[in-house]
Amino acid sequence: MNSIKLKSRAKVNLSIDVLGKRQDGYHLVEMIMQTIDLYDLIEIKEKEENQITIKSASEEIPLDCNNLVYKAADLIKKTFNLTKGVEIYIQKNTCSSRNGRWKFKCSSYTCRFKQTLEFKFK
């Protein structure tokens, strides 16, 4: 079975300007962002069955077609007419603002980010 492991790096928005709203409800934005040393891990495994499966130990991540990773995999399968499926495991290591618990959880990531900055800019 073929597989690949990827790092999905966290970012810090240094500047963000909302320019308007698109027809699909998303905002048009201009931003300056910087990746940082925190990341989620994503493992993608090929499967014979023609389906997309998302797995994660995190309760923050939707495991169905509402997941952006699922949507990207589905688009790739349709665009390139792929008949095999994929199993995608997401190891969430960074914080997310998707639910009410994020501020408490993000505090540990903020501390790690602060320590990283202090180390790199001493």
Protein backbone atom coordinates (compact mmCIF):
# COMPACT_ATOMS: atom_id res chain seq x y z
CA MET A 1 0.00 0.00 0.00
CA ASN A 2 1.38 3.41 -0.97
CA SER A 3 1.36 6.18 1.64
CA ILE A 4 2.79 9.61 2.28
CA LYS A 5 3.19 11.69 5.46
CA LEU A 6 2.95 15.47 5.30
CA LYS A 7 3.32 18.38 7.71
CA SER A 8 0.55 20.94 7.61
CA ARG A 9 2.27 23.98 9.10
CA ALA A 10 0.50 26.45 11.34
CA LYS A 11 0.61 30.12 10.44
CA VAL A 12 0.34 33.46 12.14
CA ASN A 13 -1.57 36.23 10.44
CA LEU A 14 0.56 39.35 10.75
CA SER A 15 -1.96 41.48 8.89
CA ILE A 16 -5.42 40.80 7.50
CA ASP A 17 -7.72 43.12 5.58
CA VAL A 18 -11.27 42.10 4.65
CA LEU A 19 -11.97 43.47 1.17
CA GLY A 20 -15.49 42.18 0.66
CA LYS A 21 -17.62 39.07 0.48
CA ARG A 22 -17.75 36.48 -2.29
CA GLN A 23 -20.98 34.98 -3.64
CA ASP A 24 -20.25 31.70 -1.84
CA GLY A 25 -20.23 33.50 1.53
CA TYR A 26 -16.46 33.49 2.06
CA HIS A 27 -14.67 36.80 2.52
CA LEU A 28 -12.19 38.33 0.11
CA VAL A 29 -9.08 39.00 2.15
CA GLU A 30 -5.56 40.28 1.75
CA MET A 31 -3.16 39.03 4.35
CA ILE A 32 0.44 38.71 5.32
CA MET A 33 1.15 35.47 7.10
CA GLN A 34 4.14 33.51 8.30
CA THR A 35 4.42 29.78 8.90
CA ILE A 36 5.75 28.71 12.28
CA ASP A 37 7.37 25.59 13.75
CA LEU A 38 4.04 24.04 14.84
CA TYR A 39 2.24 21.65 12.52
CA ASP A 40 -0.39 18.96 12.18
CA LEU A 41 0.62 15.63 10.66
CA ILE A 42 -1.34 14.15 7.77
CA GLU A 43 -0.87 10.60 6.54
CA ILE A 44 -2.49 9.60 3.26
CA LYS A 45 -2.77 5.91 2.33
CA GLU A 46 -3.99 4.52 -0.95
CA LYS A 47 -6.90 2.01 -0.75
CA GLU A 48 -8.40 -0.28 -3.34
CA GLU A 49 -11.98 0.70 -2.43
CA ASN A 50 -13.14 3.80 -4.29
CA GLN A 51 -13.90 5.88 -1.18
CA ILE A 52 -12.39 8.63 0.93
CA THR A 53 -12.02 7.98 4.67
CA ILE A 54 -10.93 10.64 7.17
CA LYS A 55 -9.65 9.51 10.59
CA SER A 56 -8.40 11.45 13.61
CA ALA A 57 -8.16 11.18 17.38
CA SER A 58 -9.20 14.85 17.63
CA GLU A 59 -12.81 15.72 18.38
CA GLU A 60 -12.33 19.06 16.56
CA ILE A 61 -12.08 17.48 13.13
CA PRO A 62 -15.15 16.52 11.09
CA LEU A 63 -14.67 13.03 9.67
CA ASP A 64 -17.15 13.38 6.82
CA CYS A 65 -17.56 15.27 3.55
CA ASN A 66 -17.62 18.59 5.47
CA ASN A 67 -13.87 18.27 6.12
CA LEU A 68 -11.73 20.45 3.79
CA VAL A 69 -9.20 17.63 3.39
CA TYR A 70 -12.05 15.36 2.26
CA LYS A 71 -13.24 18.00 -0.21
CA ALA A 72 -9.71 18.40 -1.63
CA ALA A 73 -9.28 14.62 -2.01
CA ASP A 74 -12.69 14.36 -3.68
CA LEU A 75 -11.84 17.16 -6.12
CA ILE A 76 -8.52 15.50 -7.00
CA LYS A 77 -10.24 12.13 -7.55
CA LYS A 78 -12.87 13.70 -9.83
CA THR A 79 -10.43 15.96 -11.72
CA PHE A 80 -8.01 13.14 -12.53
CA ASN A 81 -10.64 10.38 -12.81
CA LEU A 82 -9.00 8.28 -10.07
CA THR A 83 -10.68 4.98 -9.21
CA LYS A 84 -8.77 4.08 -6.04
CA GLY A 85 -9.63 5.58 -2.69
CA VAL A 86 -7.65 7.12 0.16
CA GLU A 87 -7.55 6.89 3.92
CA ILE A 88 -6.39 10.16 5.47
CA TYR A 89 -5.31 10.32 9.11
CA ILE A 90 -4.98 13.79 10.65
CA GLN A 91 -2.94 14.16 13.84
CA LYS A 92 -4.02 17.51 15.24
CA ASN A 93 -1.12 19.24 17.04
CA THR A 94 -2.15 22.87 16.57
CA CYS A 95 -5.12 24.75 17.94
CA SER A 96 -8.26 25.55 16.06
CA SER A 97 -10.90 28.18 16.68
CA ARG A 98 -13.74 25.93 15.49
CA ASN A 99 -15.30 25.43 18.91
CA GLY A 100 -15.64 27.10 22.28
CA ARG A 101 -12.74 25.20 23.87
CA TRP A 102 -10.03 26.60 21.62
CA LYS A 103 -8.79 29.42 23.86
CA PHE A 104 -7.82 27.07 26.69
CA LYS A 105 -6.21 24.58 24.32
CA CYS A 106 -4.41 27.30 22.36
CA SER A 107 -2.68 28.60 25.46
CA SER A 108 -0.17 25.74 25.36
CA TYR A 109 0.49 26.39 21.68
CA THR A 110 0.91 30.09 22.37
CA CYS A 111 3.53 29.25 25.01
CA ARG A 112 5.36 26.98 22.54
CA PHE A 113 5.20 29.70 19.86
CA LYS A 114 6.53 32.30 22.31
CA GLN A 115 9.39 29.98 23.30
CA THR A 116 10.20 29.41 19.62
CA LEU A 117 10.31 33.15 18.95
CA GLU A 118 12.47 33.80 21.99
CA PHE A 119 14.91 31.08 20.94
CA LYS A 120 15.15 32.20 17.30
CA PHE A 121 15.49 35.92 17.98
CA LYS A 122 17.90 35.94 20.94
